[in-house]
C-alpha atoms as a PDB file:
ATOM      1  CA  UNK A   1     -42.820 103.050  38.898  1.00  0.00           C
ATOM      2  CA  UNK A   2     -40.225 100.503  39.858  1.00  0.00           C
ATOM      3  CA  UNK A   3     -38.108  98.496  37.327  1.00  0.00           C
ATOM      4  CA  UNK A   4     -38.997  94.801  36.686  1.00  0.00           C
ATOM      5  CA  UNK A   5     -37.080  92.474  38.854  1.00  0.00           C
ATOM      6  CA  UNK A   6     -34.821  89.660  37.588  1.00  0.00           C
ATOM      7  CA  UNK A   7     -37.338  87.088  38.755  1.00  0.00           C
ATOM      8  CA  UNK A   8     -39.904  88.292  36.200  1.00  0.00           C
ATOM      9  CA  UNK A   9     -37.479  88.130  33.222  1.00  0.00           C
ATOM     10  CA  UNK A  10     -36.105  84.648  34.054  1.00  0.00           C
ATOM     11  CA  UNK A  11     -38.611  82.210  35.538  1.00  0.00           C
ATOM     12  CA  UNK A  12     -37.315  80.281  38.496  1.00  0.00           C
ATOM     13  CA  UNK A  13     -37.411  76.499  38.292  1.00  0.00           C
ATOM     14  CA  UNK A  14     -39.279  75.022  41.126  1.00  0.00           C
ATOM     15  CA  UNK A  15     -37.685  72.116  42.931  1.00  0.00           C
ATOM     16  CA  UNK A  16     -41.025  70.319  43.030  1.00  0.00           C
ATOM     17  CA  UNK A  17     -41.303  70.031  39.245  1.00  0.00           C
ATOM     18  CA  UNK A  18     -39.726  67.062  37.363  1.00  0.00           C
ATOM     19  CA  UNK A  19     -36.427  67.785  35.726  1.00  0.00           C
ATOM     20  CA  UNK A  20     -36.586  67.360  31.971  1.00  0.00           C
ATOM     21  CA  UNK A  21     -33.778  65.349  30.377  1.00  0.00           C
ATOM     22  CA  UNK A  22     -32.792  66.156  26.833  1.00  0.00           C
ATOM     23  CA  UNK A  23     -32.669  63.224  24.441  1.00  0.00           C
ATOM     24  CA  UNK A  24     -30.802  63.390  21.158  1.00  0.00           C
ATOM     25  CA  UNK A  25     -32.957  62.637  18.177  1.00  0.00           C
ATOM     26  CA  UNK A  26     -31.564  61.137  14.991  1.00  0.00           C
ATOM     27  CA  UNK A  27     -32.408  62.583  11.645  1.00  0.00           C
ATOM     28  CA  UNK A  28     -34.695  59.643  10.800  1.00  0.00           C
ATOM     29  CA  UNK A  29     -36.807  60.236  13.864  1.00  0.00           C
ATOM     30  CA  UNK A  30     -35.406  57.367  15.982  1.00  0.00           C
ATOM     31  CA  UNK A  31     -33.606  58.019  19.187  1.00  0.00           C
ATOM     32  CA  UNK A  32     -29.883  57.234  19.740  1.00  0.00           C
ATOM     33  CA  UNK A  33     -30.409  53.891  21.501  1.00  0.00           C
ATOM     34  CA  UNK A  34     -32.542  52.570  18.637  1.00  0.00           C
ATOM     35  CA  UNK A  35     -29.909  53.643  16.151  1.00  0.00           C
ATOM     36  CA  UNK A  36     -27.204  51.850  18.110  1.00  0.00           C
ATOM     37  CA  UNK A  37     -29.237  48.643  18.199  1.00  0.00           C
ATOM     38  CA  UNK A  38     -29.935  48.804  14.447  1.00  0.00           C
ATOM     39  CA  UNK A  39     -26.253  49.385  13.677  1.00  0.00           C
ATOM     40  CA  UNK A  40     -25.274  46.386  15.810  1.00  0.00           C
ATOM     41  CA  UNK A  41     -27.856  44.194  14.032  1.00  0.00           C
ATOM     42  CA  UNK A  42     -26.573  45.222  10.606  1.00  0.00           C
ATOM     43  CA  UNK A  43     -22.960  44.551  11.665  1.00  0.00           C
ATOM     44  CA  UNK A  44     -23.865  41.090  12.922  1.00  0.00           C
ATOM     45  CA  UNK A  45     -25.680  40.360   9.654  1.00  0.00           C
ATOM     46  CA  UNK A  46     -22.648  41.395   7.606  1.00  0.00           C
ATOM     47  CA  UNK A  47     -20.341  39.232   9.752  1.00  0.00           C
ATOM     48  CA  UNK A  48     -22.644  36.255   9.422  1.00  0.00           C
ATOM     49  CA  UNK A  49     -22.729  36.596   5.630  1.00  0.00           C
ATOM     50  CA  UNK A  50     -18.913  36.755   5.387  1.00  0.00           C
ATOM     51  CA  UNK A  51     -18.348  33.622   7.506  1.00  0.00           C
ATOM     52  CA  UNK A  52     -19.441  30.143   6.298  1.00  0.00           C
ATOM     53  CA  UNK A  53     -22.071  28.518   8.402  1.00  0.00           C
ATOM     54  CA  UNK A  54     -20.551  26.088  10.900  1.00  0.00           C
ATOM     55  CA  UNK A  55     -21.545  22.472  10.333  1.00  0.00           C
ATOM     56  CA  UNK A  56     -23.514  20.856  13.037  1.00  0.00           C
ATOM     57  CA  UNK A  57     -21.483  18.714  15.383  1.00  0.00           C
ATOM     58  CA  UNK A  58     -22.915  15.228  15.834  1.00  0.00           C
ATOM     59  CA  UNK A  59     -22.585  13.142  18.948  1.00  0.00           C
ATOM     60  CA  UNK A  60     -18.954  12.272  19.577  1.00  0.00           C
ATOM     61  CA  UNK A  61     -17.590  15.795  19.092  1.00  0.00           C
ATOM     62  CA  UNK A  62     -16.641  15.539  15.379  1.00  0.00           C
ATOM     63  CA  UNK A  63     -18.038  17.614  12.577  1.00  0.00           C
ATOM     64  CA  UNK A  64     -19.689  15.890   9.653  1.00  0.00           C
ATOM     65  CA  UNK A  65     -16.838  16.844   7.335  1.00  0.00           C
ATOM     66  CA  UNK A  66     -14.138  15.362   9.581  1.00  0.00           C
ATOM     67  CA  UNK A  67     -16.177  12.173  10.080  1.00  0.00           C
ATOM     68  CA  UNK A  68     -16.442  11.653   6.317  1.00  0.00           C
ATOM     69  CA  UNK A  69     -12.721  12.182   5.760  1.00  0.00           C
ATOM     70  CA  UNK A  70     -11.844   9.754   8.567  1.00  0.00           C
ATOM     71  CA  UNK A  71     -14.070   7.085   7.044  1.00  0.00           C
ATOM     72  CA  UNK A  72     -12.439   7.530   3.640  1.00  0.00           C
ATOM     73  CA  UNK A  73      -8.989   7.201   5.194  1.00  0.00           C
ATOM     74  CA  UNK A  74     -10.006   4.021   6.995  1.00  0.00           C
ATOM     75  CA  UNK A  75     -11.371   2.527   3.768  1.00  0.00           C
ATOM     76  CA  UNK A  76      -8.058   2.988   1.916  1.00  0.00           C
ATOM     77  CA  UNK A  77      -5.180   2.408   4.364  1.00  0.00           C
ATOM     78  CA  UNK A  78      -1.625   2.876   3.108  1.00  0.00           C
ATOM     79  CA  UNK A  79       0.070  -0.354   2.062  1.00  0.00           C
ATOM     80  CA  UNK A  80       3.204  -1.075   4.092  1.00  0.00           C
ATOM     81  CA  UNK A  81       6.155  -2.440   2.130  1.00  0.00           C
ATOM     82  CA  UNK A  82       8.954  -4.720   3.265  1.00  0.00           C
ATOM     83  CA  UNK A  83      12.230  -2.804   3.230  1.00  0.00           C
ATOM     84  CA  UNK A  84      14.200  -6.027   2.692  1.00  0.00           C
ATOM     85  CA  UNK A  85      12.196  -7.124  -0.332  1.00  0.00           C
ATOM     86  CA  UNK A  86      12.185  -3.621  -1.809  1.00  0.00           C
ATOM     87  CA  UNK A  87      15.993  -3.923  -1.865  1.00  0.00           C
ATOM     88  CA  UNK A  88      15.682  -7.345  -3.498  1.00  0.00           C
ATOM     89  CA  UNK A  89      13.385  -5.827  -6.126  1.00  0.00           C
ATOM     90  CA  UNK A  90      15.827  -2.982  -6.806  1.00  0.00           C
ATOM     91  CA  UNK A  91      18.707  -5.308  -7.700  1.00  0.00           C
ATOM     92  CA  UNK A  92      16.780  -7.548 -10.128  1.00  0.00           C
ATOM     93  CA  UNK A  93      17.687  -9.558 -12.178  1.00  0.00           C
ATOM     94  CA  UNK A  94      20.526 -10.216  -9.736  1.00  0.00           C
ATOM     95  CA  UNK A  95      19.736 -12.553  -6.820  1.00  0.00           C
ATOM     96  CA  UNK A  96      21.289 -12.792  -3.373  1.00  0.00           C
ATOM     97  CA  UNK A  97      22.738 -16.255  -4.096  1.00  0.00           C
ATOM     98  CA  UNK A  98      24.208 -15.594  -7.541  1.00  0.00           C
ATOM     99  CA  UNK A  99      27.659 -16.096  -6.053  1.00  0.00           C
ATOM    100  CA  UNK A 100      26.657 -19.639  -5.038  1.00  0.00           C
ATOM    101  CA  UNK A 101      26.204 -20.824  -8.636  1.00  0.00           C
ATOM    102  CA  UNK A 102      28.660 -23.678  -9.135  1.00  0.00           C
ATOM    103  CA  UNK A 103      29.652 -23.724  -5.455  1.00  0.00           C
ATOM    104  CA  UNK A 104      29.679 -27.016  -3.559  1.00  0.00           C
ATOM    105  CA  UNK A 105      27.874 -26.480  -0.226  1.00  0.00           C
ATOM    106  CA  UNK A 106      24.889 -27.441   1.877  1.00  0.00           C
ATOM    107  CA  UNK A 107      21.552 -25.957   0.819  1.00  0.00           C
ATOM    108  CA  UNK A 108      18.102 -25.707   2.350  1.00  0.00           C
ATOM    109  CA  UNK A 109      15.225 -25.282  -0.105  1.00  0.00           C
ATOM    110  CA  UNK A 110      11.950 -24.080   1.423  1.00  0.00           C
ATOM    111  CA  UNK A 111       8.617 -25.673   0.496  1.00  0.00           C
ATOM    112  CA  UNK A 112       5.146 -24.493   1.528  1.00  0.00           C
ATOM    113  CA  UNK A 113       3.067 -27.198   3.223  1.00  0.00           C
ATOM    114  CA  UNK A 114       5.873 -29.771   3.019  1.00  0.00           C
ATOM    115  CA  UNK A 115       9.152 -30.475   4.738  1.00  0.00           C
ATOM    116  CA  UNK A 116      12.020 -28.283   3.577  1.00  0.00           C
ATOM    117  CA  UNK A 117      14.770 -29.982   1.562  1.00  0.00           C
ATOM    118  CA  UNK A 118      18.289 -30.153   2.992  1.00  0.00           C
ATOM    119  CA  UNK A 119      21.122 -31.527   0.858  1.00  0.00           C
ATOM    120  CA  UNK A 120      24.735 -31.076  -0.197  1.00  0.00           C
ATOM    121  CA  UNK A 121      25.253 -30.228  -3.814  1.00  0.00           C
ATOM    122  CA  UNK A 122      25.615 -27.478  -6.414  1.00  0.00           C
ATOM    123  CA  UNK A 123      23.385 -24.645  -7.567  1.00  0.00           C
ATOM    124  CA  UNK A 124      23.412 -25.142 -11.322  1.00  0.00           C
ATOM    125  CA  UNK A 125      21.515 -22.016 -12.404  1.00  0.00           C
ATOM    126  CA  UNK A 126      19.065 -19.342 -11.227  1.00  0.00           C
ATOM    127  CA  UNK A 127      16.947 -16.772 -13.022  1.00  0.00           C
ATOM    128  CA  UNK A 128      14.798 -13.753 -12.174  1.00  0.00           C
ATOM    129  CA  UNK A 129      13.064 -11.088 -14.302  1.00  0.00           C
ATOM    130  CA  UNK A 130      14.850  -7.874 -15.229  1.00  0.00           C
ATOM    131  CA  UNK A 131      12.357  -5.797 -13.225  1.00  0.00           C
ATOM    132  CA  UNK A 132       9.162  -6.039 -11.192  1.00  0.00           C
ATOM    133  CA  UNK A 133       7.226  -2.780 -11.667  1.00  0.00           C
ATOM    134  CA  UNK A 134       4.086  -4.185 -10.034  1.00  0.00           C
ATOM    135  CA  UNK A 135       5.959  -5.326  -6.923  1.00  0.00           C
ATOM    136  CA  UNK A 136       5.866  -9.110  -7.436  1.00  0.00           C
ATOM    137  CA  UNK A 137       8.088 -11.541  -9.323  1.00  0.00           C
ATOM    138  CA  UNK A 138       9.276 -15.172  -9.508  1.00  0.00           C
ATOM    139  CA  UNK A 139      12.695 -16.746  -9.002  1.00  0.00           C
ATOM    140  CA  UNK A 140      13.694 -20.103 -10.546  1.00  0.00           C
ATOM    141  CA  UNK A 141      16.584 -22.328  -9.407  1.00  0.00           C
ATOM    142  CA  UNK A 142      17.948 -25.773 -10.318  1.00  0.00           C
ATOM    143  CA  UNK A 143      20.240 -27.724  -7.979  1.00  0.00           C
ATOM    144  CA  UNK A 144      22.100 -31.004  -8.328  1.00  0.00           C
ATOM    145  CA  UNK A 145      22.698 -33.060  -5.197  1.00  0.00           C
ATOM    146  CA  UNK A 146      25.812 -35.060  -4.454  1.00  0.00           C
ATOM    147  CA  UNK A 147      23.709 -38.207  -4.860  1.00  0.00           C
ATOM    148  CA  UNK A 148      22.784 -37.366  -8.473  1.00  0.00           C
ATOM    149  CA  UNK A 149      19.262 -35.969  -7.865  1.00  0.00           C
ATOM    150  CA  UNK A 150      17.989 -32.650  -9.171  1.00  0.00           C
ATOM    151  CA  UNK A 151      15.977 -30.124  -7.159  1.00  0.00           C
ATOM    152  CA  UNK A 152      13.738 -27.569  -8.871  1.00  0.00           C
ATOM    153  CA  UNK A 153      12.755 -24.479  -6.870  1.00  0.00           C
ATOM    154  CA  UNK A 154      10.215 -21.770  -7.672  1.00  0.00           C
ATOM    155  CA  UNK A 155       9.764 -18.737  -5.361  1.00  0.00           C
ATOM    156  CA  UNK A 156       7.011 -16.118  -5.846  1.00  0.00           C
ATOM    157  CA  UNK A 157       7.868 -12.878  -4.032  1.00  0.00           C
ATOM    158  CA  UNK A 158       5.993  -9.658  -3.245  1.00  0.00           C
ATOM    159  CA  UNK A 159       7.165  -6.395  -1.685  1.00  0.00           C
ATOM    160  CA  UNK A 160       3.991  -6.024   0.432  1.00  0.00           C
ATOM    161  CA  UNK A 161       4.940  -6.766   4.020  1.00  0.00           C
ATOM    162  CA  UNK A 162       1.712  -8.495   5.057  1.00  0.00           C
ATOM    163  CA  UNK A 163       1.803 -10.896   2.066  1.00  0.00           C
ATOM    164  CA  UNK A 164       3.909 -14.044   2.389  1.00  0.00           C
ATOM    165  CA  UNK A 165       6.259 -15.320  -0.308  1.00  0.00           C
ATOM    166  CA  UNK A 166       5.313 -18.677  -1.836  1.00  0.00           C
ATOM    167  CA  UNK A 167       7.828 -21.524  -2.154  1.00  0.00           C
ATOM    168  CA  UNK A 168       7.447 -24.606  -4.321  1.00  0.00           C
ATOM    169  CA  UNK A 169      10.010 -27.322  -4.981  1.00  0.00           C
ATOM    170  CA  UNK A 170      10.237 -30.804  -6.485  1.00  0.00           C
ATOM    171  CA  UNK A 171      12.906 -33.489  -6.543  1.00  0.00           C
ATOM    172  CA  UNK A 172      13.815 -35.578  -9.577  1.00  0.00           C
ATOM    173  CA  UNK A 173      15.344 -38.926  -8.754  1.00  0.00           C
ATOM    174  CA  UNK A 174      16.827 -40.686 -11.804  1.00  0.00           C
ATOM    175  CA  UNK A 175      16.468 -44.054 -10.108  1.00  0.00           C
ATOM    176  CA  UNK A 176      13.027 -45.722 -10.192  1.00  0.00           C
ATOM    177  CA  UNK A 177      12.831 -45.734  -6.390  1.00  0.00           C
ATOM    178  CA  UNK A 178      10.378 -42.842  -6.032  1.00  0.00           C
ATOM    179  CA  UNK A 179       6.786 -43.206  -7.220  1.00  0.00           C
ATOM    180  CA  UNK A 180       6.587 -39.750  -8.960  1.00  0.00           C
ATOM    181  CA  UNK A 181       9.718 -40.575 -10.940  1.00  0.00           C
ATOM    182  CA  UNK A 182       8.275 -43.939 -11.957  1.00  0.00           C
ATOM    183  CA  UNK A 183       5.023 -42.353 -13.153  1.00  0.00           C
ATOM    184  CA  UNK A 184       6.814 -39.632 -15.133  1.00  0.00           C
ATOM    185  CA  UNK A 185       9.258 -42.159 -16.552  1.00  0.00           C
ATOM    186  CA  UNK A 186       6.488 -44.510 -17.660  1.00  0.00           C
ATOM    187  CA  UNK A 187       4.525 -41.714 -19.357  1.00  0.00           C
ATOM    188  CA  UNK A 188       7.633 -40.398 -21.104  1.00  0.00           C
ATOM    189  CA  UNK A 189       8.815 -43.793 -22.251  1.00  0.00           C
ATOM    190  CA  UNK A 190       5.400 -44.556 -23.711  1.00  0.00           C
ATOM    191  CA  UNK A 191       5.241 -41.199 -25.514  1.00  0.00           C
ATOM    192  CA  UNK A 192       8.839 -40.880 -26.702  1.00  0.00           C
ATOM    193  CA  UNK A 193      10.275 -44.382 -26.259  1.00  0.00           C
ATOM    194  CA  UNK A 194      13.278 -42.999 -24.358  1.00  0.00           C
ATOM    195  CA  UNK A 195      14.179 -42.657 -20.660  1.00  0.00           C
ATOM    196  CA  UNK A 196      12.970 -39.634 -18.738  1.00  0.00           C
ATOM    197  CA  UNK A 197      15.768 -37.177 -17.958  1.00  0.00           C
ATOM    198  CA  UNK A 198      16.083 -34.406 -15.402  1.00  0.00           C
ATOM    199  CA  UNK A 199      15.674 -31.914 -18.254  1.00  0.00           C
ATOM    200  CA  UNK A 200      12.245 -33.385 -19.012  1.00  0.00           C
ATOM    201  CA  UNK A 201      11.331 -33.048 -15.341  1.00  0.00           C
ATOM    202  CA  UNK A 202      12.573 -29.439 -15.282  1.00  0.00           C
ATOM    203  CA  UNK A 203      10.466 -28.557 -18.315  1.00  0.00           C
ATOM    204  CA  UNK A 204       7.436 -30.185 -16.677  1.00  0.00           C
ATOM    205  CA  UNK A 205       8.006 -28.144 -13.499  1.00  0.00           C
ATOM    206  CA  UNK A 206       8.938 -24.710 -14.910  1.00  0.00           C
ATOM    207  CA  UNK A 207       7.267 -24.840 -18.301  1.00  0.00           C
ATOM    208  CA  UNK A 208       8.429 -22.668 -21.198  1.00  0.00           C
ATOM    209  CA  UNK A 209       7.596 -19.132 -20.151  1.00  0.00           C
ATOM    210  CA  UNK A 210      10.223 -16.408 -20.810  1.00  0.00           C
ATOM    211  CA  UNK A 211      11.775 -16.744 -17.350  1.00  0.00           C
ATOM    212  CA  UNK A 212      12.050 -20.524 -17.691  1.00  0.00           C
ATOM    213  CA  UNK A 213      13.759 -20.158 -21.078  1.00  0.00           C
ATOM    214  CA  UNK A 214      16.208 -17.669 -19.539  1.00  0.00           C
ATOM    215  CA  UNK A 215      16.985 -20.299 -16.875  1.00  0.00           C
ATOM    216  CA  UNK A 216      17.546 -23.016 -19.453  1.00  0.00           C
ATOM    217  CA  UNK A 217      19.943 -20.825 -21.446  1.00  0.00           C
ATOM    218  CA  UNK A 218      22.226 -20.582 -18.393  1.00  0.00           C
ATOM    219  CA  UNK A 219      22.698 -24.358 -18.291  1.00  0.00           C
ATOM    220  CA  UNK A 220      25.233 -26.315 -20.293  1.00  0.00           C
ATOM    221  CA  UNK A 221      22.507 -28.460 -21.846  1.00  0.00           C
ATOM    222  CA  UNK A 222      20.061 -27.724 -24.649  1.00  0.00           C
ATOM    223  CA  UNK A 223      16.358 -27.563 -23.922  1.00  0.00           C
ATOM    224  CA  UNK A 224      15.208 -26.805 -27.433  1.00  0.00           C
ATOM    225  CA  UNK A 225      13.132 -29.432 -29.168  1.00  0.00           C
ATOM    226  CA  UNK A 226      15.031 -30.721 -32.180  1.00  0.00           C
ATOM    227  CA  UNK A 227      13.137 -31.566 -35.338  1.00  0.00           C
ATOM    228  CA  UNK A 228      14.244 -32.877 -38.743  1.00  0.00           C
END
């Protein structure tokens, strides 16, 4: 009896049969491709939870957050200051023409809505507040012309560049040639039975606020009301 051949112990694979392909199986029963897809989904979920959701971009290419901040900035623009007037504010109560007090020269006094006043004379006194923490202040000045008139000037200043300074001035003529002087003189003479003086006109123009009183104290005349 002959020995079994090698063909009987090891079956020969026929070329006509389909070749089986081994597929790795995960422990949970899913194949490797399913596991890979599940892992990728979980990774994407974790990444999405760690990053904040992007805000929707409206038409125009800006996010809603940037649009809101831009609108807030436009509603409260920064106020631009005048460098020149900031310097003027810093040196208060000193004024740029303090050296002109008592000097005989030609002056030009600005007036809003009226012709400016040009004359030769003397700056008798000027006054300004000690500080201007809110960025605006007033300046008072009294001049005497060579012809014997008095000029009263009031300037309201602000450090904001877009805001204009305001200039007001009046002239007191001791002669009865000007109508305002005649009216003031008549009212004063009726009330006090004495001629109207330039000091009366100054008090009517500046009043008696603290800055006006500081101006009066710099003059060689007394503005206090005397009683007995």
